[in-house]
N, C-alpha and C. Protein backbone atom coordinates (compact mmCIF):
# COMPACT_ATOMS: atom_id res chain seq x y z
N MET A 1 0.73 -1.28 0.16
CA MET A 1 0.10 -0.01 -0.19
C MET A 1 0.99 1.24 0.05
N LEU A 2 2.29 1.25 0.87
CA LEU A 2 2.94 2.46 0.84
C LEU A 2 3.42 2.56 -0.48
N LYS A 3 3.89 1.40 -0.97
CA LYS A 3 4.63 1.68 -2.30
C LYS A 3 3.60 2.06 -3.14
N LYS A 4 2.44 1.71 -3.45
CA LYS A 4 1.73 2.20 -4.38
C LYS A 4 1.53 3.79 -4.08
N LYS A 5 1.50 4.22 -2.89
CA LYS A 5 1.27 5.58 -2.67
C LYS A 5 2.40 6.70 -3.15
N TYR A 6 3.75 6.26 -3.07
CA TYR A 6 4.95 6.71 -3.61
C TYR A 6 5.25 6.47 -4.86
N THR A 7 4.63 5.46 -5.72
CA THR A 7 4.51 5.27 -6.94
C THR A 7 3.82 6.38 -7.71
N LYS A 8 2.41 6.69 -6.95
CA LYS A 8 1.47 7.77 -7.67
C LYS A 8 2.23 9.26 -7.41
N TYR A 9 2.90 9.34 -6.51
CA TYR A 9 3.43 10.80 -6.26
C TYR A 9 4.68 11.18 -7.01
N THR A 10 5.49 9.92 -7.33
CA THR A 10 6.45 9.95 -8.14
C THR A 10 6.14 10.23 -9.61
N LEU A 11 4.84 9.41 -10.01
CA LEU A 11 4.39 9.75 -11.51
C LEU A 11 3.74 11.05 -11.67
N LEU A 12 3.20 11.72 -10.60
CA LEU A 12 2.92 12.78 -10.76
C LEU A 12 4.00 13.69 -10.76
N LEU A 13 4.97 13.75 -9.76
CA LEU A 13 6.11 14.61 -9.90
C LEU A 13 6.89 14.57 -11.21
N ILE A 14 6.99 13.58 -12.00
CA ILE A 14 7.51 13.27 -13.22
C ILE A 14 6.57 14.09 -14.11
N VAL A 15 5.44 13.84 -14.47
CA VAL A 15 4.58 14.59 -15.08
C VAL A 15 4.41 16.21 -14.95
N VAL A 16 4.36 16.62 -13.85
CA VAL A 16 4.73 18.07 -13.52
C VAL A 16 5.98 18.64 -13.88
N LEU A 17 7.03 17.94 -13.69
CA LEU A 17 8.38 18.35 -14.14
C LEU A 17 8.67 18.31 -15.79
N PHE A 18 8.02 17.33 -16.26
CA PHE A 18 7.81 17.43 -17.74
C PHE A 18 7.25 18.43 -18.33
N ALA A 19 6.12 18.94 -17.98
CA ALA A 19 5.00 20.12 -18.35
C ALA A 19 5.91 21.35 -18.14
N VAL A 20 6.64 21.37 -16.88
CA VAL A 20 7.38 22.70 -16.47
C VAL A 20 8.44 22.70 -17.68
N GLY A 21 9.27 21.71 -18.02
CA GLY A 21 10.42 21.54 -18.92
C GLY A 21 9.50 21.96 -20.30
N ILE A 22 8.58 21.68 -20.85
CA ILE A 22 8.19 21.82 -21.92
C ILE A 22 7.78 23.29 -22.10
N MET A 23 7.05 23.82 -20.82
CA MET A 23 6.74 25.31 -20.93
C MET A 23 8.15 26.08 -20.97
N TRP A 24 9.11 25.82 -20.32
CA TRP A 24 10.46 26.57 -20.45
C TRP A 24 11.05 26.59 -21.62
N VAL A 25 11.12 25.44 -22.65
CA VAL A 25 11.36 25.27 -23.71
C VAL A 25 10.94 26.19 -24.69
N PHE A 26 9.22 26.41 -24.62
CA PHE A 26 8.85 27.28 -25.77
C PHE A 26 8.94 28.32 -25.26
N ASN A 27 9.27 29.02 -24.07
CA ASN A 27 9.32 30.27 -23.50
C ASN A 27 10.65 30.67 -24.00
N SER A 28 11.49 29.97 -24.24
CA SER A 28 12.96 30.03 -24.48
C SER A 28 13.14 30.45 -25.90
N ILE A 29 12.36 29.92 -26.81
CA ILE A 29 12.32 29.84 -28.30
C ILE A 29 12.15 31.48 -28.65
N PRO A 30 12.90 32.08 -29.60
CA PRO A 30 12.50 33.65 -29.69
C PRO A 30 11.30 33.85 -30.25
N GLN A 31 10.41 34.65 -29.90
CA GLN A 31 9.06 35.25 -30.08
C GLN A 31 9.20 36.04 -31.65
N ASN A 32 8.67 35.76 -32.53
CA ASN A 32 8.78 36.71 -33.93
C ASN A 32 7.40 37.33 -34.12
N THR A 33 7.64 38.40 -34.17
CA THR A 33 6.26 39.56 -34.72
C THR A 33 6.75 40.34 -35.67
N SER A 34 5.40 41.51 -35.69
CA SER A 34 5.64 42.49 -36.63
C SER A 34 5.49 43.94 -36.16
N PHE A 35 5.87 44.61 -36.92
CA PHE A 35 5.34 46.20 -36.48
C PHE A 35 3.43 46.37 -36.50
N ASN A 36 3.15 45.61 -37.53
CA ASN A 36 1.91 45.54 -37.78
C ASN A 36 1.18 45.14 -36.40
N ASP A 37 1.61 43.82 -35.98
CA ASP A 37 1.14 43.29 -34.66
C ASP A 37 1.04 44.23 -33.44
N LEU A 38 2.19 44.81 -33.40
CA LEU A 38 2.65 45.59 -32.09
C LEU A 38 1.67 47.00 -32.40
N VAL A 39 1.79 47.44 -33.44
CA VAL A 39 1.56 48.96 -33.29
C VAL A 39 0.16 49.19 -34.29
N ILE A 40 0.30 48.70 -35.77
CA ILE A 40 -0.95 49.11 -36.58
C ILE A 40 -2.09 48.37 -36.28
N ASN A 41 -2.10 47.31 -35.88
CA ASN A 41 -3.53 46.88 -35.55
C ASN A 41 -4.24 47.07 -34.21
N HIS A 42 -3.29 48.00 -33.36
CA HIS A 42 -3.85 48.67 -32.37
C HIS A 42 -4.45 50.09 -32.60
N ILE A 43 -4.02 50.71 -33.56
CA ILE A 43 -4.81 51.92 -33.96
C ILE A 43 -5.07 52.04 -35.37
N LYS A 44 -6.14 52.96 -35.69
CA LYS A 44 -6.66 53.37 -37.28
C LYS A 44 -5.77 54.46 -37.52
N VAL A 45 -5.03 54.11 -38.68
CA VAL A 45 -3.85 54.84 -39.29
C VAL A 45 -4.53 56.36 -39.53
N SER A 46 -5.91 56.10 -39.87
CA SER A 46 -6.72 57.26 -40.13
C SER A 46 -6.68 58.50 -38.81
N GLU A 47 -6.48 57.84 -37.90
CA GLU A 47 -6.65 58.53 -36.54
C GLU A 47 -5.21 59.35 -36.06
N ILE A 48 -4.12 58.91 -36.93
CA ILE A 48 -2.89 59.56 -36.30
C ILE A 48 -2.74 60.97 -36.99
N THR A 49 -2.83 61.66 -35.72
CA THR A 49 -2.62 63.19 -36.21
C THR A 49 -1.24 63.72 -36.61
N SER A 50 -0.21 63.17 -36.06
CA SER A 50 1.18 63.59 -36.37
C SER A 50 2.10 62.45 -35.75
N ILE A 51 3.24 62.53 -36.30
CA ILE A 51 4.32 61.90 -36.01
C ILE A 51 5.55 62.42 -35.72
N ASP A 52 5.98 62.90 -34.48
CA ASP A 52 7.16 63.80 -34.04
C ASP A 52 8.45 62.75 -34.08
N ILE A 53 9.58 63.43 -34.80
CA ILE A 53 10.78 62.50 -34.89
C ILE A 53 11.80 63.35 -34.38
N LEU A 54 12.74 62.87 -33.58
CA LEU A 54 13.75 63.25 -33.06
C LEU A 54 14.98 62.55 -33.77
N LYS A 55 15.96 63.36 -34.02
CA LYS A 55 17.05 62.72 -35.07
C LYS A 55 18.26 62.81 -33.64
N PHE A 56 18.88 61.71 -33.36
CA PHE A 56 20.10 61.94 -32.55
C PHE A 56 21.40 61.70 -33.08
N SER A 57 22.30 62.69 -32.50
CA SER A 57 23.63 62.86 -32.74
C SER A 57 24.47 61.39 -32.73
N ARG A 58 25.07 60.72 -33.57
CA ARG A 58 26.10 59.57 -33.40
C ARG A 58 26.97 59.66 -32.25
N GLU A 59 27.56 61.02 -31.86
CA GLU A 59 28.59 60.99 -30.94
C GLU A 59 28.16 61.12 -29.56
N SER A 60 26.49 61.64 -29.17
CA SER A 60 26.08 61.61 -27.99
C SER A 60 24.81 61.48 -28.17
N SER A 61 24.12 61.51 -27.16
CA SER A 61 22.77 61.28 -27.03
C SER A 61 21.83 62.91 -27.33
N ASN A 62 22.37 63.83 -27.83
CA ASN A 62 21.83 64.86 -27.76
C ASN A 62 20.96 64.72 -29.36
N VAL A 63 19.76 65.85 -29.04
CA VAL A 63 18.94 65.77 -30.44
C VAL A 63 19.57 66.50 -31.35
N GLU A 64 19.86 66.26 -32.48
CA GLU A 64 20.47 67.09 -33.63
C GLU A 64 19.29 68.02 -34.25
N GLU A 65 18.03 67.18 -34.69
CA GLU A 65 17.04 67.73 -35.26
C GLU A 65 15.76 67.20 -34.98
N GLU A 66 14.83 68.03 -35.04
CA GLU A 66 13.24 67.59 -34.63
C GLU A 66 12.50 68.10 -35.58
N ILE A 67 11.61 67.11 -36.19
CA ILE A 67 10.37 67.56 -37.20
C ILE A 67 9.07 66.93 -36.74
N LYS A 68 8.22 67.57 -37.30
CA LYS A 68 6.53 67.02 -36.89
C LYS A 68 6.14 66.92 -38.39
N VAL A 69 5.37 65.53 -38.45
CA VAL A 69 5.00 65.01 -39.76
C VAL A 69 3.45 65.02 -39.57
N GLU A 70 2.72 65.82 -40.36
CA GLU A 70 1.45 65.97 -40.15
C GLU A 70 0.56 65.72 -41.66
N ASP A 71 1.38 65.32 -42.54
CA ASP A 71 0.89 65.15 -43.78
C ASP A 71 1.14 63.74 -44.66
N ASP A 72 1.17 63.80 -45.95
CA ASP A 72 0.81 62.56 -46.61
C ASP A 72 2.11 61.55 -45.91
N SER A 73 3.31 62.09 -45.83
CA SER A 73 4.39 61.45 -45.17
C SER A 73 4.24 60.45 -43.88
N ILE A 74 3.16 60.90 -43.24
CA ILE A 74 2.68 59.81 -42.30
C ILE A 74 2.17 58.59 -42.91
N ASP A 75 1.44 58.42 -43.80
CA ASP A 75 1.31 57.47 -44.85
C ASP A 75 2.34 56.21 -45.22
N LYS A 76 3.41 57.06 -45.57
CA LYS A 76 4.52 56.72 -46.11
C LYS A 76 5.50 55.95 -45.03
N ILE A 77 5.48 56.86 -44.11
CA ILE A 77 6.28 56.17 -42.83
C ILE A 77 5.78 54.67 -42.37
N ILE A 78 4.25 54.92 -41.92
CA ILE A 78 3.56 53.87 -41.82
C ILE A 78 3.57 52.67 -42.50
N SER A 79 3.37 52.79 -44.16
CA SER A 79 3.52 51.66 -45.01
C SER A 79 5.06 51.09 -44.90
N ASP A 80 6.10 52.15 -44.67
CA ASP A 80 7.37 51.40 -44.58
C ASP A 80 7.72 50.59 -43.51
N PHE A 81 6.95 50.94 -42.04
CA PHE A 81 7.14 50.38 -41.08
C PHE A 81 6.44 48.74 -41.09
N SER A 82 5.21 48.99 -41.63
CA SER A 82 4.37 47.96 -42.00
C SER A 82 4.95 46.48 -42.23
N THR A 83 6.15 46.62 -42.90
CA THR A 83 6.93 45.50 -43.77
C THR A 83 7.92 45.01 -42.53
N ILE A 84 8.15 45.59 -41.44
CA ILE A 84 9.21 45.27 -40.43
C ILE A 84 8.97 43.94 -39.88
N LYS A 85 9.81 43.10 -39.55
CA LYS A 85 9.64 41.72 -39.01
C LYS A 85 10.34 42.02 -37.59
N LEU A 86 10.06 41.48 -36.59
CA LEU A 86 10.98 41.82 -35.26
C LEU A 86 10.89 40.49 -34.72
N ARG A 87 11.93 40.37 -33.78
CA ARG A 87 12.20 39.06 -32.83
C ARG A 87 12.19 40.00 -31.35
N LYS A 88 11.34 39.52 -30.60
CA LYS A 88 11.56 40.04 -29.15
C LYS A 88 12.92 39.71 -28.65
N VAL A 89 13.77 40.60 -28.02
CA VAL A 89 14.72 40.51 -27.13
C VAL A 89 14.64 40.86 -25.76
N SER A 90 15.58 40.50 -24.80
CA SER A 90 15.46 41.19 -23.57
C SER A 90 15.93 42.45 -23.32
N SER A 91 16.71 42.95 -24.50
CA SER A 91 17.25 44.21 -23.95
C SER A 91 17.82 44.77 -25.42
N VAL A 92 18.18 46.07 -25.98
CA VAL A 92 18.63 46.43 -27.06
C VAL A 92 20.19 46.48 -26.65
N ASP A 93 20.90 45.86 -27.73
CA ASP A 93 22.46 45.86 -27.93
C ASP A 93 22.80 47.38 -27.50
N VAL A 94 23.69 47.43 -26.55
CA VAL A 94 24.19 48.94 -26.47
C VAL A 94 25.13 49.52 -27.57
N ASN A 95 25.54 48.89 -28.55
CA ASN A 95 26.57 49.22 -29.83
C ASN A 95 25.86 49.96 -30.32
N PRO A 96 24.49 49.71 -31.02
CA PRO A 96 24.12 50.85 -32.03
C PRO A 96 23.58 52.03 -31.29
N TYR A 97 23.68 53.10 -31.60
CA TYR A 97 23.22 54.14 -31.27
C TYR A 97 21.72 54.43 -31.70
N ARG A 98 21.05 54.92 -30.53
CA ARG A 98 19.58 55.50 -30.91
C ARG A 98 19.85 56.85 -32.23
N THR A 99 19.28 56.21 -33.28
CA THR A 99 19.42 57.39 -34.11
C THR A 99 18.30 58.24 -34.62
N TYR A 100 16.81 57.52 -34.24
CA TYR A 100 15.46 58.27 -34.14
C TYR A 100 14.61 57.71 -33.21
N GLN A 101 13.75 58.97 -32.80
CA GLN A 101 12.87 58.60 -31.66
C GLN A 101 11.36 58.99 -32.30
N LEU A 102 10.53 58.23 -32.80
CA LEU A 102 9.33 58.41 -33.26
C LEU A 102 8.02 58.51 -32.32
N SER A 103 7.35 59.82 -32.21
CA SER A 103 6.43 59.77 -31.43
C SER A 103 5.05 59.65 -32.11
N ILE A 104 4.30 58.50 -32.26
CA ILE A 104 3.00 58.41 -32.99
C ILE A 104 1.94 59.13 -32.05
N ARG A 105 1.31 59.94 -32.79
CA ARG A 105 0.01 60.68 -31.97
C ARG A 105 -1.14 60.53 -32.87
N THR A 106 -2.17 60.28 -31.71
CA THR A 106 -3.72 60.30 -31.95
C THR A 106 -4.38 61.14 -31.42
N ASN A 107 -5.24 62.24 -31.84
CA ASN A 107 -5.78 63.02 -31.03
C ASN A 107 -4.90 63.93 -30.17
N GLN A 108 -3.73 64.23 -30.56
CA GLN A 108 -2.88 64.76 -29.75
C GLN A 108 -2.20 64.04 -28.51
N ASP A 109 -2.61 62.93 -28.37
CA ASP A 109 -2.11 62.16 -27.34
C ASP A 109 -0.74 61.03 -27.81
N ASN A 110 -0.10 61.18 -27.17
CA ASN A 110 1.27 60.30 -27.41
C ASN A 110 0.86 59.01 -27.61
N ARG A 111 0.56 57.80 -28.50
CA ARG A 111 -0.04 56.59 -28.34
C ARG A 111 1.22 55.69 -28.29
N PHE A 112 2.02 55.89 -29.32
CA PHE A 112 3.30 55.30 -29.48
C PHE A 112 4.63 55.95 -29.25
N LYS A 113 5.60 55.31 -28.68
CA LYS A 113 6.66 55.96 -28.81
C LYS A 113 7.78 54.78 -29.40
N ILE A 114 8.66 55.03 -30.56
CA ILE A 114 9.38 54.29 -31.23
C ILE A 114 10.82 54.73 -31.02
N ASN A 115 11.71 53.89 -30.33
CA ASN A 115 13.31 54.27 -30.64
C ASN A 115 13.84 53.22 -31.61
N LEU A 116 14.38 53.73 -32.68
CA LEU A 116 15.16 52.93 -33.72
C LEU A 116 16.75 53.13 -33.44
N TYR A 117 17.38 51.97 -33.30
CA TYR A 117 18.70 52.01 -33.22
C TYR A 117 19.71 51.49 -34.57
N GLU A 118 19.80 52.49 -35.11
CA GLU A 118 20.35 52.33 -36.49
C GLU A 118 18.88 51.54 -37.05
N GLU A 119 19.46 50.37 -37.95
CA GLU A 119 18.42 49.59 -38.66
C GLU A 119 18.35 48.18 -38.24
N ASP A 120 19.03 48.17 -36.87
CA ASP A 120 18.99 46.69 -36.17
C ASP A 120 17.98 46.62 -35.09
N TYR A 121 17.65 47.68 -34.41
CA TYR A 121 17.16 47.50 -33.47
C TYR A 121 15.86 48.43 -32.91
N MET A 122 14.61 48.04 -32.34
CA MET A 122 13.45 49.00 -32.15
C MET A 122 12.82 48.72 -30.97
N GLU A 123 12.83 49.85 -30.09
CA GLU A 123 12.09 49.79 -28.89
C GLU A 123 10.54 50.37 -29.12
N ILE A 124 9.59 49.60 -29.01
CA ILE A 124 8.20 50.25 -28.86
C ILE A 124 7.65 50.25 -27.51
N TYR A 125 7.06 51.83 -27.39
CA TYR A 125 6.57 51.75 -25.96
C TYR A 125 5.00 51.92 -26.31
N ASP A 126 3.97 51.18 -25.65
CA ASP A 126 2.66 51.55 -25.96
C ASP A 126 2.15 52.16 -24.74
N ALA A 127 1.74 53.50 -25.06
CA ALA A 127 1.40 54.56 -24.05
C ALA A 127 0.00 53.90 -23.39
N LYS A 128 -0.93 53.13 -23.80
CA LYS A 128 -2.07 52.71 -23.59
C LYS A 128 -2.08 51.43 -22.48
N LYS A 129 -0.93 50.52 -22.78
CA LYS A 129 -0.87 49.57 -21.94
C LYS A 129 0.38 49.48 -21.15
N LYS A 130 1.06 50.88 -21.35
CA LYS A 130 2.12 51.31 -20.27
C LYS A 130 3.07 50.14 -20.38
N GLU A 131 3.54 49.62 -21.88
CA GLU A 131 4.48 48.25 -21.86
C GLU A 131 5.52 48.97 -22.81
N LEU A 132 6.78 48.33 -22.56
CA LEU A 132 7.91 48.78 -23.49
C LEU A 132 8.81 47.38 -23.75
N GLY A 133 8.44 47.14 -25.09
CA GLY A 133 8.99 46.09 -25.52
C GLY A 133 10.58 46.11 -26.54
N SER A 134 11.49 45.45 -26.43
CA SER A 134 12.67 45.47 -27.36
C SER A 134 12.78 44.53 -28.35
N TYR A 135 13.12 44.78 -29.40
CA TYR A 135 13.04 43.80 -30.78
C TYR A 135 14.19 44.14 -31.52
N LYS A 136 14.51 42.97 -31.85
CA LYS A 136 15.77 42.90 -33.14
C LYS A 136 14.97 42.96 -34.27
N ILE A 137 15.48 44.05 -35.44
CA ILE A 137 14.71 43.95 -36.75
C ILE A 137 15.38 42.89 -37.72
N ILE A 138 14.41 41.79 -38.08
CA ILE A 138 14.80 40.79 -38.62
C ILE A 138 14.63 40.61 -39.99
N SER A 139 13.82 41.72 -40.72
CA SER A 139 13.63 41.93 -41.94
C SER A 139 14.49 42.85 -42.48
N ASP A 140 14.68 43.25 -44.00
CA ASP A 140 15.11 44.20 -44.84
C ASP A 140 14.56 45.59 -44.16
N TYR A 141 15.18 46.67 -43.80
CA TYR A 141 14.54 47.86 -43.47
C TYR A 141 15.42 48.82 -43.79
N ASN A 142 15.04 50.01 -44.40
CA ASN A 142 15.67 51.17 -44.58
C ASN A 142 15.44 52.12 -44.17
N VAL A 143 16.14 53.20 -43.28
CA VAL A 143 15.60 54.35 -42.62
C VAL A 143 15.71 55.50 -43.89
N GLU A 144 15.65 55.32 -44.81
CA GLU A 144 15.51 56.49 -45.88
C GLU A 144 14.53 57.03 -45.99
N THR A 145 13.10 56.72 -45.80
CA THR A 145 12.20 57.34 -45.72
C THR A 145 12.26 58.77 -44.64
N ILE A 146 12.56 58.25 -43.56
CA ILE A 146 12.92 59.17 -42.18
C ILE A 146 13.77 60.12 -42.61
N GLN A 147 15.06 59.69 -43.23
CA GLN A 147 16.19 60.32 -43.46
C GLN A 147 15.87 61.56 -44.60
N THR A 148 14.92 61.07 -45.61
CA THR A 148 14.53 62.35 -46.69
C THR A 148 13.68 63.26 -45.79
N LEU A 149 12.79 62.94 -44.88
CA LEU A 149 12.34 63.93 -44.14
C LEU A 149 13.30 65.22 -43.70
N PHE A 150 14.38 64.62 -43.12
CA PHE A 150 15.35 65.52 -42.40
C PHE A 150 16.14 66.36 -43.47
N GLN A 151 15.84 66.00 -44.93
CA GLN A 151 16.55 66.90 -45.87
C GLN A 151 15.78 67.82 -46.64
N LYS A 152 14.33 67.86 -46.36
CA LYS A 152 13.51 68.75 -46.95
C LYS A 152 13.85 70.14 -46.58
């Protein structure tokens, strides 16, 4: 009788440890997502009133230039960003410098804040959820659209 009781508990312990192990393996697999999933699917593009963009110096964290986009360039920026594929990371690698910071505004409220680190990493802060996520850009992306805005 006593041996049967220990066998049940041992079997239960093995099943629980196996389930925990499987959950740990699935959580350690990098999670791929997209800019669409994280941002565009949570707002109506037509409700974006402006995008404020800060350009940072490579030598320091000082702001070099600042622009406010309120025209058709909003659609171009959103269109370019919609193709970006991302992989969740625990933090942004410190080597690339933050080159741009975008604040997407809807009805004059900051809805999303996006930090671009060259063409390698992106941080997305969702003001509604009060969540910050760090992501490695895993698809081809070129910051040319943003760069041309500063050349006007």
